[in-house]
């Protein structure tokens, strides 16, 4: 997506807590983006920095090192008033709920709407509709101390989403919810993202949210260690299962290999592999076509075409021999590419993989 569609851009972000000798770094050089219409899940062990990152993106903390751009505004150096203005366009859902105990569920949601200064009749209608969407139509006049933890969480969710914000930041939003209510909340996230282009960033350990995720971002010890586009990874894994060398691998191993692949866009007529060269990459065709030519025993040229989902380069890598064909890109062709070292690491990962390589070599004869 182009930069205009990016709701969040984080670059080289570091953060510390404490001062002097007690100063402790909790985030280290993190880069991440969130596009309009995208749902991203932020995962990782407790204490890995997920909530700190979320609060920095939400303008609830000041940026110390690096840069954050949210909804078109650079957060670094903004004064308190400007940070409040940014927060008004964000829907926040946090584990502690932060509800006003003296107000009913309905009044808590109404407060969020009144910040946008809509007409009274319209705000009341929208508040009721949103509370009904989260299953609290019959409890909307109850105060927080009369509600269960899950019900208070639903009020918090209704308050965050009632203004149809451009960006939603949620910390364990479904942890206290039962199966059906959690599913309904996830559907709300999905509706906002698909119909209105809202970006949703969710810190969670709840596997129920995975079905709605476009991306899964993993943090460990203050660092983003992986950023996976879910459908892209699924597509790569499906392509890999067509290759005999990968066909018997478990989904977990396939996903680990897919994470190491990168995309390359080619030019029409670009030579990807030249016959007789030593190959150092494995290729899957993401889109477009490739023209393959090889010189036969009688000196004649044998030609063929590779299309989307097909693969090449594995035989030369496995046999450590020069390539047997020249491969030239057609127009509008993109490839998934796995480097030699990652390919070799995958080969050595399981005995099953080695068995599949031998079978693949035999079938290529």
Protein backbone atom coordinates (compact mmCIF):
# COMPACT_ATOMS: atom_id res chain seq x y z
CA UNK A 1 0.00 0.00 0.00
CA UNK A 2 1.16 3.57 -0.60
CA UNK A 3 2.21 5.86 2.21
CA UNK A 4 -1.11 7.77 2.09
CA UNK A 5 -2.93 4.59 3.14
CA UNK A 6 -0.67 4.01 6.14
CA UNK A 7 -2.35 4.96 9.39
CA UNK A 8 0.69 4.13 11.54
CA UNK A 9 4.40 4.35 10.71
CA UNK A 10 6.93 3.45 13.41
CA UNK A 11 10.63 3.89 12.65
CA UNK A 12 13.66 3.04 14.79
CA UNK A 13 11.60 3.31 17.96
CA UNK A 14 13.38 2.94 21.30
CA UNK A 15 12.01 3.58 24.76
CA UNK A 16 13.35 3.65 28.32
CA UNK A 17 11.82 3.62 31.79
CA UNK A 18 13.44 5.23 34.81
CA UNK A 19 16.28 7.68 35.23
CA UNK A 20 19.96 7.52 36.08
CA UNK A 21 21.22 4.14 37.29
CA UNK A 22 17.69 2.70 37.25
CA UNK A 23 17.16 3.64 33.58
CA UNK A 24 16.12 0.52 31.65
CA UNK A 25 15.58 0.14 27.93
CA UNK A 26 12.35 -1.68 27.02
CA UNK A 27 12.07 -1.11 23.24
CA UNK A 28 14.90 -1.47 20.74
CA UNK A 29 14.92 -0.02 17.18
CA UNK A 30 11.44 -1.16 16.18
CA UNK A 31 9.89 -0.58 12.75
CA UNK A 32 6.27 -1.39 11.96
CA UNK A 33 3.38 0.00 9.90
CA UNK A 34 -0.40 -0.39 9.90
CA UNK A 35 -2.42 0.23 6.76
CA UNK A 36 -5.97 1.44 6.42
CA UNK A 37 -8.36 -1.52 6.47
CA UNK A 38 -5.82 -3.81 8.11
CA UNK A 39 -6.12 -5.88 11.30
CA UNK A 40 -2.77 -6.68 12.91
CA UNK A 41 -2.17 -8.84 15.98
CA UNK A 42 0.75 -8.04 18.27
CA UNK A 43 1.93 -11.12 20.15
CA UNK A 44 4.83 -12.12 22.36
CA UNK A 45 5.70 -13.16 25.93
CA UNK A 46 4.59 -11.07 28.91
CA UNK A 47 6.99 -8.19 29.45
CA UNK A 48 8.17 -8.09 25.83
CA UNK A 49 7.07 -4.46 25.31
CA UNK A 50 3.74 -4.93 23.50
CA UNK A 51 1.65 -2.64 25.70
CA UNK A 52 4.40 -0.02 25.80
CA UNK A 53 4.46 0.03 21.99
CA UNK A 54 0.67 0.27 21.90
CA UNK A 55 0.58 3.24 24.28
CA UNK A 56 3.28 5.06 22.32
CA UNK A 57 1.34 4.62 19.07
CA UNK A 58 -1.76 5.84 20.90
CA UNK A 59 -0.05 9.09 21.98
CA UNK A 60 -0.42 8.09 25.64
CA UNK A 61 3.35 8.34 26.13
CA UNK A 62 5.86 10.74 24.63
CA UNK A 63 8.24 9.48 21.95
CA UNK A 64 11.83 9.44 23.24
CA UNK A 65 13.89 7.99 20.38
CA UNK A 66 12.83 7.20 16.83
CA UNK A 67 9.68 8.37 15.09
CA UNK A 68 5.96 7.56 15.12
CA UNK A 69 3.51 8.95 12.59
CA UNK A 70 -0.18 8.34 13.36
CA UNK A 71 -3.10 9.44 11.17
CA UNK A 72 -0.81 11.76 9.25
CA UNK A 73 0.77 13.45 12.29
CA UNK A 74 4.30 13.04 13.65
CA UNK A 75 4.01 12.40 17.39
CA UNK A 76 7.55 13.24 18.40
CA UNK A 77 7.73 16.64 20.04
CA UNK A 78 3.95 17.24 20.18
CA UNK A 79 2.68 19.15 23.22
CA UNK A 80 0.03 17.75 25.54
CA UNK A 81 -2.85 19.51 23.78
CA UNK A 82 -1.81 18.19 20.37
CA UNK A 83 -1.45 14.65 21.72
CA UNK A 84 -5.01 14.85 23.08
CA UNK A 85 -6.24 15.87 19.62
CA UNK A 86 -4.56 12.80 18.10
CA UNK A 87 -6.13 10.53 20.72
CA UNK A 88 -9.63 11.75 19.84
CA UNK A 89 -9.39 9.97 16.50
CA UNK A 90 -8.31 6.67 18.10
CA UNK A 91 -10.50 4.04 19.73
CA UNK A 92 -8.79 2.62 22.85
CA UNK A 93 -9.64 -0.70 24.48
CA UNK A 94 -7.54 -1.55 27.54
CA UNK A 95 -7.73 -4.33 30.10
CA UNK A 96 -8.50 -2.00 33.04
CA UNK A 97 -11.63 -0.68 31.24
CA UNK A 98 -11.18 2.90 32.59
CA UNK A 99 -14.94 3.40 32.95
CA UNK A 100 -16.48 6.20 35.01
CA UNK A 101 -17.93 4.36 38.01
CA UNK A 102 -20.58 7.03 38.65
CA UNK A 103 -22.01 6.73 35.12
CA UNK A 104 -24.13 3.98 33.58
CA UNK A 105 -22.92 1.90 30.64
CA UNK A 106 -25.07 4.07 28.37
CA UNK A 107 -23.63 7.30 29.81
CA UNK A 108 -20.05 6.03 29.50
CA UNK A 109 -20.60 5.40 25.78
CA UNK A 110 -22.44 8.71 25.36
CA UNK A 111 -19.40 10.59 26.69
CA UNK A 112 -17.28 9.34 23.79
CA UNK A 113 -19.91 10.51 21.30
CA UNK A 114 -20.31 13.93 22.90
CA UNK A 115 -16.62 14.63 22.32
CA UNK A 116 -17.49 14.63 18.61
CA UNK A 117 -20.38 17.10 19.25
CA UNK A 118 -23.12 15.27 17.30
CA UNK A 119 -26.79 16.04 17.90
CA UNK A 120 -28.25 14.62 21.12
CA UNK A 121 -30.81 12.40 19.40
CA UNK A 122 -28.20 10.93 17.07
CA UNK A 123 -25.72 10.25 19.89
CA UNK A 124 -28.36 8.45 21.98
CA UNK A 125 -29.35 6.27 19.03
CA UNK A 126 -25.74 5.36 18.23
CA UNK A 127 -24.90 4.62 21.87
CA UNK A 128 -27.89 2.26 22.18
CA UNK A 129 -27.06 0.51 18.88
CA UNK A 130 -23.46 -0.09 19.86
CA UNK A 131 -24.35 -1.42 23.31
CA UNK A 132 -26.83 -3.77 21.65
CA UNK A 133 -24.09 -4.91 19.25
CA UNK A 134 -21.94 -6.02 22.19
CA UNK A 135 -24.85 -7.76 23.91
CA UNK A 136 -25.67 -5.15 26.56
CA UNK A 137 -29.01 -3.92 25.30
CA UNK A 138 -30.69 -5.02 28.55
CA UNK A 139 -27.94 -3.69 30.86
CA UNK A 140 -27.21 -0.29 29.35
CA UNK A 141 -28.45 1.63 32.42
CA UNK A 142 -26.42 -0.43 34.89
CA UNK A 143 -23.35 1.14 36.48
CA UNK A 144 -19.93 -0.58 36.24
CA UNK A 145 -20.01 -1.93 39.82
CA UNK A 146 -23.17 -3.86 38.92
CA UNK A 147 -21.58 -5.45 35.87
CA UNK A 148 -19.30 -8.48 35.55
CA UNK A 149 -15.74 -8.09 34.33
CA UNK A 150 -16.75 -9.30 30.87
CA UNK A 151 -19.67 -6.86 30.73
CA UNK A 152 -17.42 -3.96 31.75
CA UNK A 153 -15.06 -4.95 28.98
CA UNK A 154 -17.95 -4.86 26.51
CA UNK A 155 -18.84 -1.33 27.65
CA UNK A 156 -15.22 -0.35 27.05
CA UNK A 157 -15.35 -1.86 23.58
CA UNK A 158 -18.63 -0.10 22.76
CA UNK A 159 -17.20 3.21 23.90
CA UNK A 160 -14.08 2.75 21.78
CA UNK A 161 -15.94 1.79 18.60
CA UNK A 162 -19.05 3.97 18.74
CA UNK A 163 -17.37 6.87 16.89
CA UNK A 164 -16.22 4.56 14.07
CA UNK A 165 -12.59 5.65 14.62
CA UNK A 166 -9.96 5.49 11.89
CA UNK A 167 -7.63 3.59 14.24
CA UNK A 168 -8.38 1.11 17.05
CA UNK A 169 -5.75 0.08 19.60
CA UNK A 170 -6.81 -2.85 21.78
CA UNK A 171 -5.02 -4.61 24.64
CA UNK A 172 -6.47 -8.12 25.21
CA UNK A 173 -9.98 -6.99 24.15
CA UNK A 174 -11.55 -10.46 24.17
CA UNK A 175 -9.74 -12.05 27.14
CA UNK A 176 -12.71 -11.67 29.53
CA UNK A 177 -15.39 -12.51 26.96
CA UNK A 178 -17.19 -15.77 26.32
CA UNK A 179 -17.03 -17.48 22.94
CA UNK A 180 -20.12 -15.90 21.37
CA UNK A 181 -19.47 -12.38 22.66
CA UNK A 182 -15.83 -12.56 21.63
CA UNK A 183 -16.87 -13.64 18.16
CA UNK A 184 -19.25 -10.68 17.93
CA UNK A 185 -16.49 -8.24 18.90
CA UNK A 186 -14.15 -9.71 16.31
CA UNK A 187 -16.89 -9.30 13.70
CA UNK A 188 -17.16 -5.63 14.71
CA UNK A 189 -13.42 -5.17 14.17
CA UNK A 190 -13.73 -6.88 10.80
CA UNK A 191 -16.67 -4.68 9.79
CA UNK A 192 -14.83 -1.49 10.71
CA UNK A 193 -11.70 -2.51 8.84
CA UNK A 194 -13.37 -3.80 5.67
CA UNK A 195 -16.23 -1.32 5.31
CA UNK A 196 -14.68 1.88 6.65
CA UNK A 197 -10.93 1.36 6.24
CA UNK A 198 -10.25 1.42 9.98
CA UNK A 199 -6.87 0.07 11.08
CA UNK A 200 -6.93 -2.26 14.11
CA UNK A 201 -3.88 -3.19 16.21
CA UNK A 202 -4.61 -5.84 18.86
CA UNK A 203 -2.35 -7.09 21.64
CA UNK A 204 -3.66 -10.57 22.39
CA UNK A 205 -2.98 -14.19 23.25
CA UNK A 206 -6.51 -15.18 22.21
CA UNK A 207 -6.39 -17.58 19.27
CA UNK A 208 -10.00 -16.69 18.40
CA UNK A 209 -8.76 -13.40 16.94
CA UNK A 210 -6.45 -15.11 14.47
CA UNK A 211 -9.17 -15.69 11.87
CA UNK A 212 -9.61 -11.94 11.44
CA UNK A 213 -5.91 -11.07 11.31
CA UNK A 214 -4.20 -9.71 8.21
CA UNK A 215 -0.83 -9.57 9.98
CA UNK A 216 0.80 -11.16 13.00
CA UNK A 217 3.63 -9.15 14.57
CA UNK A 218 5.72 -10.91 17.22
CA UNK A 219 7.76 -9.15 19.91
CA UNK A 220 10.45 -10.66 22.12
CA UNK A 221 12.49 -8.70 24.68
CA UNK A 222 11.50 -5.33 23.28
CA UNK A 223 12.18 -6.18 19.64
CA UNK A 224 9.88 -7.02 16.76
CA UNK A 225 11.27 -10.34 15.60
CA UNK A 226 8.74 -11.15 12.89
CA UNK A 227 6.02 -9.38 10.92
CA UNK A 228 3.95 -11.85 8.92
CA UNK A 229 1.29 -11.03 6.35
CA UNK A 230 -1.03 -13.95 7.03
CA UNK A 231 -2.60 -14.51 3.61
CA UNK A 232 0.77 -14.07 1.92
CA UNK A 233 2.31 -16.71 4.17
CA UNK A 234 -0.61 -19.09 3.58
CA UNK A 235 -0.20 -18.61 -0.15
CA UNK A 236 3.54 -19.36 -0.01
CA UNK A 237 2.90 -22.50 2.05
CA UNK A 238 0.29 -23.69 -0.45
CA UNK A 239 2.75 -23.16 -3.28
CA UNK A 240 5.50 -25.01 -1.41
CA UNK A 241 3.37 -28.11 -0.90
CA UNK A 242 3.38 -28.56 -4.69
CA UNK A 243 7.14 -29.08 -4.57
CA UNK A 244 8.01 -32.71 -3.64
CA UNK A 245 10.84 -31.52 -1.40
CA UNK A 246 8.38 -29.65 0.83
CA UNK A 247 5.20 -31.69 0.42
CA UNK A 248 5.48 -33.79 3.61
CA UNK A 249 6.51 -31.00 5.96
CA UNK A 250 4.22 -29.93 8.79
CA UNK A 251 2.43 -26.56 8.58
CA UNK A 252 4.65 -25.25 11.38
CA UNK A 253 7.86 -26.03 9.47
CA UNK A 254 6.38 -24.67 6.23
CA UNK A 255 5.45 -21.42 7.97
CA UNK A 256 8.98 -21.07 9.37
CA UNK A 257 10.43 -21.47 5.87
CA UNK A 258 7.86 -19.10 4.35
CA UNK A 259 8.87 -16.37 6.82
CA UNK A 260 12.40 -16.48 5.40
CA UNK A 261 11.25 -15.87 1.83
CA UNK A 262 11.13 -12.43 0.26
CA UNK A 263 9.43 -11.00 -2.80
CA UNK A 264 11.26 -9.89 -5.93
CA UNK A 265 9.68 -7.97 -8.79
CA UNK A 266 11.28 -8.69 -12.19
CA UNK A 267 11.54 -6.88 -15.50
CA UNK A 268 10.26 -8.47 -18.71
CA UNK A 269 13.19 -10.23 -20.36
CA UNK A 270 15.25 -10.37 -17.16
CA UNK A 271 17.40 -13.51 -16.91
CA UNK A 272 16.67 -15.14 -13.55
CA UNK A 273 18.84 -18.24 -14.04
CA UNK A 274 21.37 -18.92 -16.78
CA UNK A 275 22.09 -22.51 -17.83
CA UNK A 276 25.45 -23.66 -16.48
CA UNK A 277 25.59 -21.15 -13.61
CA UNK A 278 25.81 -22.21 -9.98
CA UNK A 279 22.42 -21.49 -8.41
CA UNK A 280 22.09 -19.95 -4.95
CA UNK A 281 18.32 -19.44 -4.67
CA UNK A 282 15.03 -21.32 -4.67
CA UNK A 283 12.09 -19.64 -6.45
CA UNK A 284 8.29 -19.75 -6.31
CA UNK A 285 6.28 -17.83 -8.90
CA UNK A 286 3.94 -15.37 -7.17
CA UNK A 287 2.45 -14.00 -10.39
CA UNK A 288 3.17 -13.85 -14.11
CA UNK A 289 5.07 -16.35 -16.26
CA UNK A 290 8.64 -17.44 -16.87
CA UNK A 291 10.12 -18.82 -20.07
CA UNK A 292 12.41 -21.84 -19.60
CA UNK A 293 14.86 -23.04 -22.22
CA UNK A 294 17.50 -25.75 -22.13
CA UNK A 295 19.85 -27.25 -24.66
CA UNK A 296 19.01 -30.89 -25.33
CA UNK A 297 21.50 -33.72 -26.03
CA UNK A 298 21.14 -33.18 -29.79
CA UNK A 299 21.88 -29.45 -29.49
CA UNK A 300 18.27 -28.41 -30.01
CA UNK A 301 16.61 -25.93 -27.65
CA UNK A 302 13.75 -27.27 -25.52
CA UNK A 303 11.32 -24.59 -24.33
CA UNK A 304 8.58 -24.54 -21.71
CA UNK A 305 6.66 -22.08 -19.54
CA UNK A 306 6.34 -21.81 -15.76
CA UNK A 307 3.28 -20.14 -14.26
CA UNK A 308 1.90 -18.88 -10.95
CA UNK A 309 2.44 -21.33 -8.09
CA UNK A 310 5.19 -23.29 -9.86
CA UNK A 311 8.79 -23.46 -8.65
CA UNK A 312 12.36 -23.85 -9.84
CA UNK A 313 15.96 -23.84 -8.63
CA UNK A 314 15.61 -26.59 -6.01
CA UNK A 315 17.29 -29.33 -8.08
CA UNK A 316 20.52 -27.37 -8.57
CA UNK A 317 20.59 -26.41 -4.88
CA UNK A 318 20.02 -29.95 -3.66
CA UNK A 319 22.55 -31.51 -6.05
CA UNK A 320 25.05 -28.62 -5.72
CA UNK A 321 25.42 -28.71 -9.51
CA UNK A 322 25.18 -26.03 -12.24
CA UNK A 323 21.67 -25.17 -13.42
CA UNK A 324 20.29 -27.17 -16.32
CA UNK A 325 18.18 -24.40 -17.91
CA UNK A 326 17.91 -20.69 -18.55
CA UNK A 327 14.88 -18.96 -17.03
CA UNK A 328 13.69 -15.58 -18.33
CA UNK A 329 10.94 -13.44 -16.81
CA UNK A 330 7.83 -12.52 -18.74
CA UNK A 331 5.91 -9.26 -18.14
CA UNK A 332 4.54 -8.40 -14.68
CA UNK A 333 6.25 -11.31 -12.95
CA UNK A 334 6.90 -11.48 -9.21
CA UNK A 335 8.78 -14.20 -7.37
CA UNK A 336 9.09 -15.52 -3.83
CA UNK A 337 12.78 -16.19 -3.16
CA UNK A 338 14.54 -18.35 -0.58
CA UNK A 339 18.30 -17.87 -0.23
CA UNK A 340 20.71 -20.81 -0.27
CA UNK A 341 21.53 -20.69 3.46
CA UNK A 342 17.85 -20.70 4.46
CA UNK A 343 17.18 -23.50 2.00
CA UNK A 344 20.05 -25.57 3.42
CA UNK A 345 18.84 -24.91 6.96
CA UNK A 346 15.39 -26.16 5.99
CA UNK A 347 16.92 -29.26 4.43
CA UNK A 348 18.77 -30.07 7.63
CA UNK A 349 15.78 -29.42 9.89
CA UNK A 350 14.13 -32.84 9.70
CA UNK A 351 14.81 -36.34 8.48
CA UNK A 352 11.50 -36.21 6.62
CA UNK A 353 12.80 -33.27 4.63
CA UNK A 354 15.92 -35.20 3.62
CA UNK A 355 13.80 -38.11 2.49
CA UNK A 356 11.70 -35.78 0.37
CA UNK A 357 14.82 -34.29 -1.25
CA UNK A 358 15.99 -37.72 -2.35
CA UNK A 359 12.55 -38.40 -3.79
CA UNK A 360 12.55 -35.04 -5.58
CA UNK A 361 15.94 -35.71 -7.10
CA UNK A 362 14.81 -39.12 -8.27
CA UNK A 363 11.64 -37.69 -9.83
CA UNK A 364 13.66 -35.03 -11.69
CA UNK A 365 15.69 -37.62 -13.62
